Amino acid sequence: AGNDTINNHQGGSWDMSGRVSSFGAGNDNFCNMGFLVLKDSRFDFGDGSNGFSNTGTIRVTGANLIDMGATGSARFTNAGLLDFTNGKAGDSLAIAGHFGGVGNINLDVDLTAGVGDWLSVSGVAATGTQQKLNIALLDGLPSSDSLNQPLQLVQVAGNSNPNAFVAGQVLGISPADFLKLD
């Protein structure tokens, strides 16, 4: 218990692979300005006015949970990059709390299997949230059946606005990848 503050400064690297970080009750803050690896990881903030701020890069693989605690004001803010891209679709990050910020989210999508990486938010997307969803298409062409199936990449249980999660770019594609007809 107590008020905890943890900073991963610019140039810093923290590997949370397979680990659980529990803060306990109190007003806790985690600030990532560097590189943070989440691989089957869990943050438990406990009760309090908690915050998680990302202005660096968070690499997400496997199934991960950031539990911001029971207080209604607890928020995860992304003003950096949430990077799910690893060549395999199906990685996930569940955020138990509210979400905000202006940043980028890179996601793998396998159109052949109809599977993508996934961000879930149990709270609201705060006013002013704008995250660009950048998609890395994995090899293979989709079948006509999979094209007719919606693919959900982000789920927000609470209120959100149409501009909270917007199309970014397709990663790994350049004009040289296309046939030019004169």
Protein backbone atom coordinates (compact mmCIF):
# COMPACT_ATOMS: atom_id res chain seq x y z
CA ALA A 1 0.00 0.00 0.00
CA GLY A 2 1.05 3.60 -0.49
CA ASN A 3 1.51 5.98 -3.38
CA ASP A 4 3.93 4.50 -5.90
CA THR A 5 5.52 6.11 -8.97
CA ILE A 6 7.60 4.14 -11.47
CA ASN A 7 9.30 5.78 -14.44
CA ASN A 8 10.90 3.90 -17.33
CA HIS A 9 12.84 6.81 -18.83
CA GLN A 10 13.64 7.47 -22.49
CA GLY A 11 16.34 5.02 -23.55
CA GLY A 12 15.31 2.64 -20.77
CA SER A 13 14.05 -0.89 -21.34
CA TRP A 14 11.88 -3.01 -19.07
CA ASP A 15 10.93 -6.62 -19.85
CA MET A 16 7.76 -7.75 -18.06
CA SER A 17 7.58 -11.11 -19.89
CA GLY A 18 5.52 -13.55 -17.84
CA ARG A 19 5.50 -11.29 -14.80
CA VAL A 20 2.91 -9.72 -12.52
CA SER A 21 3.44 -6.27 -11.02
CA SER A 22 1.11 -5.45 -8.10
CA PHE A 23 1.02 -1.94 -6.69
CA GLY A 24 -1.58 -2.36 -3.94
CA ALA A 25 -3.88 0.36 -2.64
CA GLY A 26 -2.78 3.97 -3.13
CA ASN A 27 -2.47 6.56 -5.87
CA ASP A 28 -0.05 4.81 -8.22
CA ASN A 29 1.49 5.97 -11.49
CA PHE A 30 3.53 4.17 -14.11
CA CYS A 31 5.17 6.24 -16.83
CA ASN A 32 6.82 4.57 -19.83
CA MET A 33 8.98 6.89 -21.89
CA GLY A 34 11.27 4.09 -23.09
CA PHE A 35 10.66 0.53 -24.27
CA LEU A 36 8.38 -1.82 -22.31
CA VAL A 37 7.83 -5.49 -23.23
CA LEU A 38 4.53 -7.13 -22.26
CA LYS A 39 4.40 -10.86 -22.98
CA ASP A 40 1.73 -12.70 -21.01
CA SER A 41 2.10 -9.98 -18.36
CA ARG A 42 -0.14 -8.34 -15.82
CA PHE A 43 -0.18 -4.99 -14.00
CA ASP A 44 -2.48 -4.75 -10.94
CA PHE A 45 -2.76 -1.17 -9.70
CA GLY A 46 -5.16 -1.76 -6.79
CA ASP A 47 -7.58 0.81 -5.39
CA GLY A 48 -6.70 4.47 -5.79
CA SER A 49 -6.43 7.24 -8.35
CA ASN A 50 -4.06 5.42 -10.70
CA GLY A 51 -2.48 6.33 -13.99
CA PHE A 52 -0.47 4.58 -16.69
CA SER A 53 1.14 6.86 -19.25
CA ASN A 54 2.97 5.72 -22.40
CA THR A 55 4.96 8.16 -24.51
CA GLY A 56 7.46 5.49 -25.59
CA THR A 57 6.88 2.05 -27.09
CA ILE A 58 5.07 -0.89 -25.53
CA ARG A 59 5.64 -4.21 -27.36
CA VAL A 60 2.63 -6.48 -26.80
CA THR A 61 2.75 -10.27 -27.38
CA GLY A 62 0.62 -13.00 -25.87
CA ALA A 63 -2.30 -12.27 -23.52
CA ASN A 64 -1.83 -9.23 -21.26
CA LEU A 65 -3.86 -7.35 -18.65
CA ILE A 66 -3.45 -3.89 -17.17
CA ASP A 67 -5.92 -3.57 -14.29
CA MET A 68 -6.10 0.12 -13.40
CA GLY A 69 -7.97 -0.56 -10.14
CA ALA A 70 -11.52 0.00 -8.97
CA THR A 71 -11.48 3.82 -8.94
CA GLY A 72 -13.51 5.39 -11.75
CA SER A 73 -10.82 7.98 -12.56
CA ALA A 74 -8.04 5.47 -13.30
CA ARG A 75 -6.80 5.88 -16.87
CA PHE A 76 -4.32 4.35 -19.31
CA THR A 77 -2.99 7.05 -21.67
CA ASN A 78 -1.18 6.23 -24.91
CA ALA A 79 0.67 9.13 -26.53
CA GLY A 80 3.30 6.81 -27.95
CA LEU A 81 3.12 3.42 -29.67
CA LEU A 82 1.38 0.20 -28.67
CA ASP A 83 3.13 -2.27 -30.97
CA PHE A 84 1.47 -5.69 -31.34
CA THR A 85 3.33 -6.54 -34.58
CA ASN A 86 5.34 -9.74 -34.39
CA GLY A 87 4.18 -11.61 -37.50
CA LYS A 88 1.45 -13.50 -35.60
CA ALA A 89 -2.14 -12.34 -35.17
CA GLY A 90 -3.97 -12.99 -31.91
CA ASP A 91 -1.99 -11.02 -29.32
CA SER A 92 -4.14 -9.12 -26.84
CA LEU A 93 -4.09 -6.32 -24.30
CA ALA A 94 -7.03 -5.90 -21.93
CA ILE A 95 -7.20 -2.62 -20.04
CA ALA A 96 -9.51 -2.67 -17.03
CA GLY A 97 -10.12 1.07 -16.77
CA HIS A 98 -10.43 4.09 -19.03
CA PHE A 99 -8.31 4.83 -22.12
CA GLY A 100 -7.09 8.11 -23.55
CA GLY A 101 -4.40 9.90 -25.52
CA VAL A 102 -3.30 10.67 -29.06
CA GLY A 103 -1.00 7.92 -30.29
CA ASN A 104 -0.50 4.91 -32.54
CA ILE A 105 -1.40 1.24 -32.32
CA ASN A 106 0.26 -1.27 -34.66
CA LEU A 107 -1.68 -4.53 -35.12
CA ASP A 108 -1.11 -7.78 -37.02
CA VAL A 109 -4.05 -8.95 -39.15
CA ASP A 110 -4.35 -12.35 -40.81
CA LEU A 111 -7.15 -11.99 -43.36
CA THR A 112 -6.88 -15.64 -44.39
CA ALA A 113 -7.70 -16.86 -40.87
CA GLY A 114 -9.91 -13.88 -40.03
CA VAL A 115 -7.83 -13.10 -36.92
CA GLY A 116 -6.20 -9.91 -35.69
CA ASP A 117 -4.49 -8.59 -32.60
CA TRP A 118 -6.93 -7.15 -30.09
CA LEU A 119 -7.21 -4.23 -27.64
CA SER A 120 -10.02 -4.33 -25.09
CA VAL A 121 -10.98 -1.44 -22.81
CA SER A 122 -13.51 -2.03 -20.01
CA GLY A 123 -14.06 1.70 -19.40
CA VAL A 124 -14.54 4.63 -21.76
CA ALA A 125 -12.38 6.17 -24.46
CA ALA A 126 -11.88 9.63 -22.98
CA THR A 127 -12.87 12.77 -24.86
CA GLY A 128 -10.06 13.75 -27.23
CA THR A 129 -8.76 10.21 -27.64
CA GLN A 130 -7.36 9.62 -31.12
CA GLN A 131 -5.42 6.46 -31.82
CA LYS A 132 -4.24 5.61 -35.34
CA LEU A 133 -4.62 1.92 -36.09
CA ASN A 134 -1.75 0.82 -38.33
CA ILE A 135 -2.21 -2.65 -39.81
CA ALA A 136 0.45 -5.20 -40.74
CA LEU A 137 -1.21 -7.62 -43.17
CA LEU A 138 0.16 -11.12 -42.82
CA ASP A 139 0.78 -13.37 -45.82
CA GLY A 140 -2.09 -14.89 -47.71
CA LEU A 141 -5.17 -13.66 -49.45
CA PRO A 142 -8.56 -13.86 -47.80
CA SER A 143 -11.27 -16.15 -49.06
CA SER A 144 -14.58 -14.64 -50.12
CA ASP A 145 -16.11 -16.11 -46.93
CA SER A 146 -13.64 -14.33 -44.63
CA LEU A 147 -14.18 -11.01 -46.42
CA ASN A 148 -17.83 -11.10 -45.37
CA GLN A 149 -16.94 -11.51 -41.67
CA PRO A 150 -16.23 -8.42 -39.55
CA LEU A 151 -12.89 -8.40 -37.76
CA GLN A 152 -12.88 -6.55 -34.44
CA LEU A 153 -9.48 -5.13 -33.44
CA VAL A 154 -10.58 -2.75 -30.65
CA GLN A 155 -13.44 -3.07 -28.18
CA VAL A 156 -14.46 -0.30 -25.79
CA ALA A 157 -17.18 -1.31 -23.31
CA GLY A 158 -18.05 2.25 -22.28
CA ASN A 159 -18.62 5.42 -24.28
CA SER A 160 -16.40 6.16 -27.24
CA ASN A 161 -16.59 8.50 -30.20
CA PRO A 162 -16.02 7.63 -33.88
CA ASN A 163 -12.68 9.47 -33.92
CA ALA A 164 -11.18 7.63 -30.94
CA PHE A 165 -9.74 4.82 -33.11
CA VAL A 166 -9.09 5.80 -36.72
CA ALA A 167 -7.45 4.22 -39.76
CA GLY A 168 -3.73 4.79 -39.94
CA GLN A 169 -1.62 3.06 -42.55
CA VAL A 170 -0.89 -0.41 -43.86
CA LEU A 171 2.58 -1.34 -42.62
CA GLY A 172 5.13 -3.00 -44.89
CA ILE A 173 3.47 -1.96 -48.14
CA SER A 174 5.16 0.36 -50.60
CA PRO A 175 4.19 1.56 -54.09
CA ALA A 176 6.91 -0.75 -55.45
CA ASP A 177 4.78 -3.73 -54.32
CA PHE A 178 2.17 -2.95 -56.97
CA LEU A 179 2.15 -3.47 -60.72
CA LYS A 180 2.17 -0.21 -62.64
CA LEU A 181 0.34 -0.21 -65.95
CA ASP A 182 1.16 2.52 -68.44
